[in-house]
Amino acid sequence: MRSWQYGIWLAAAMLPPSALADEARYAAVDVQEAFLDLRAFPDQRYPVANIAERGEHVELIKRRTDWYLLRTEQGQQGWVSEEQMGESLRAAGIEPSRHAVAKQRRAAAQNKDPKAE
């Protein structure tokens, strides 16, 4: 065995078993809102492709600014704004993004309800 091959083997052997798992583990939340609109892309201009209903367990696969890519129990995926799923995130102990916090502060400064947008 060459020295570089041994180095790769040694590095892989030192990884924790979870790092070598076939399936990645994602954060998960239970939907607290009446429903969540799952969109094809992270923008309000795109149509709603699916929904996740209250009580459904969803995985948070990816985060892009204040949007989350979710996977439902049925395997459906879609993007949901952090603003729409705020209750679910808070219930799971997930901190809001800086972008969402800034948006809430701007709305408060203008004496507007951020959920009214």
Protein backbone atom coordinates (compact mmCIF):
# COMPACT_ATOMS: atom_id res chain seq x y z
CA MET A 1 0.00 0.00 0.00
CA ARG A 2 1.35 3.42 -0.95
CA SER A 3 1.77 6.06 1.73
CA TRP A 4 -1.00 8.30 0.33
CA GLN A 5 -3.42 5.35 0.20
CA TYR A 6 -2.56 4.48 3.77
CA GLY A 7 -3.22 8.11 4.76
CA ILE A 8 -6.69 8.04 3.17
CA TRP A 9 -7.50 4.71 4.81
CA LEU A 10 -6.30 5.99 8.19
CA ALA A 11 -8.35 9.21 7.88
CA ALA A 12 -11.48 7.22 7.00
CA ALA A 13 -10.90 4.85 9.92
CA MET A 14 -10.76 7.78 12.34
CA LEU A 15 -14.12 9.25 11.22
CA PRO A 16 -17.05 8.66 13.54
CA PRO A 17 -19.55 6.06 12.28
CA SER A 18 -22.19 8.75 11.73
CA ALA A 19 -19.94 10.45 9.14
CA LEU A 20 -19.91 7.26 7.09
CA ALA A 21 -23.67 6.64 7.17
CA ASP A 22 -25.38 6.23 3.80
CA GLU A 23 -28.27 8.50 4.67
CA ALA A 24 -27.67 12.00 5.98
CA ARG A 25 -29.52 13.08 9.09
CA TYR A 26 -31.54 16.27 8.88
CA ALA A 27 -33.22 18.45 11.45
CA ALA A 28 -36.93 17.75 11.67
CA VAL A 29 -39.95 19.67 12.89
CA ASP A 30 -43.63 19.03 13.40
CA VAL A 31 -45.82 21.46 11.48
CA GLN A 32 -47.54 23.83 13.94
CA GLU A 33 -49.29 26.02 11.36
CA ALA A 34 -52.57 24.99 9.71
CA PHE A 35 -50.53 24.14 6.62
CA LEU A 36 -47.28 25.04 4.85
CA ASP A 37 -47.08 25.89 1.15
CA LEU A 38 -44.33 23.84 -0.51
CA ARG A 39 -43.07 25.73 -3.57
CA ALA A 40 -40.92 24.51 -6.44
CA PHE A 41 -38.29 27.22 -5.84
CA PRO A 42 -37.47 29.56 -2.91
CA ASP A 43 -39.55 32.53 -4.00
CA GLN A 44 -43.19 33.60 -3.48
CA ARG A 45 -43.59 34.03 -7.24
CA TYR A 46 -43.46 30.28 -7.83
CA PRO A 47 -46.63 28.21 -7.55
CA VAL A 48 -47.46 25.98 -4.62
CA ALA A 49 -46.58 22.41 -5.62
CA ASN A 50 -47.66 20.62 -2.41
CA ILE A 51 -48.65 21.32 1.16
CA ALA A 52 -47.69 19.98 4.57
CA GLU A 53 -50.52 19.96 7.11
CA ARG A 54 -50.57 20.63 10.86
CA GLY A 55 -49.06 17.75 12.83
CA GLU A 56 -47.08 16.39 9.90
CA HIS A 57 -43.41 15.60 10.54
CA VAL A 58 -41.07 17.24 7.99
CA GLU A 59 -37.30 17.22 7.49
CA LEU A 60 -35.35 20.42 6.89
CA ILE A 61 -33.00 19.50 4.07
CA LYS A 62 -31.47 22.83 3.11
CA ARG A 63 -31.61 26.49 4.10
CA ARG A 64 -31.21 29.37 1.64
CA THR A 65 -31.43 32.83 3.27
CA ASP A 66 -34.90 32.72 4.84
CA TRP A 67 -36.22 29.71 2.91
CA TYR A 68 -36.12 26.02 3.85
CA LEU A 69 -36.25 23.01 1.55
CA LEU A 70 -38.52 20.47 3.28
CA ARG A 71 -39.26 16.80 2.75
CA THR A 72 -42.61 15.47 3.98
CA GLU A 73 -43.27 12.00 5.36
CA GLN A 74 -44.61 11.05 1.91
CA GLY A 75 -41.35 12.12 0.25
CA GLN A 76 -42.69 15.34 -1.29
CA GLN A 77 -40.19 18.20 -1.36
CA GLY A 78 -40.66 21.93 -1.59
CA TRP A 79 -39.45 25.32 -0.39
CA VAL A 80 -41.16 27.14 2.51
CA SER A 81 -40.40 30.65 3.72
CA GLU A 82 -39.10 30.99 7.23
CA GLU A 83 -41.80 33.58 7.86
CA GLN A 84 -44.56 31.07 7.06
CA MET A 85 -43.13 28.30 9.24
CA GLY A 86 -42.05 30.45 12.19
CA GLU A 87 -44.19 28.63 14.77
CA SER A 88 -42.83 25.24 13.72
CA LEU A 89 -39.23 26.46 13.90
CA ARG A 90 -39.70 28.08 17.32
CA ALA A 91 -41.35 24.92 18.68
CA ALA A 92 -38.31 22.91 17.51
CA GLY A 93 -35.88 25.43 19.04
CA ILE A 94 -34.46 26.57 15.69
CA GLU A 95 -33.17 30.14 15.61
CA PRO A 96 -34.44 32.48 12.87
CA SER A 97 -31.97 33.63 10.23
CA ARG A 98 -30.41 37.09 10.44
CA HIS A 99 -32.40 38.02 7.34
CA ALA A 100 -35.70 37.17 9.03
CA VAL A 101 -34.71 39.02 12.21
CA ALA A 102 -33.78 42.11 10.18
CA LYS A 103 -37.13 41.94 8.35
CA GLN A 104 -38.99 41.76 11.67
CA ARG A 105 -37.05 44.74 13.03
CA ARG A 106 -37.79 46.82 9.92
CA ALA A 107 -41.47 45.99 10.22
CA ALA A 108 -41.49 46.88 13.93
CA ALA A 109 -39.79 50.19 13.16
CA GLN A 110 -42.56 50.96 10.69
CA ASN A 111 -45.20 49.85 13.24
CA LYS A 112 -46.32 47.08 10.92
CA ASP A 113 -47.11 43.48 11.74
CA PRO A 114 -44.47 41.36 9.89
CA LYS A 115 -47.01 38.56 9.41
CA ALA A 116 -49.35 40.91 7.56
CA GLU A 117 -47.00 41.06 4.55
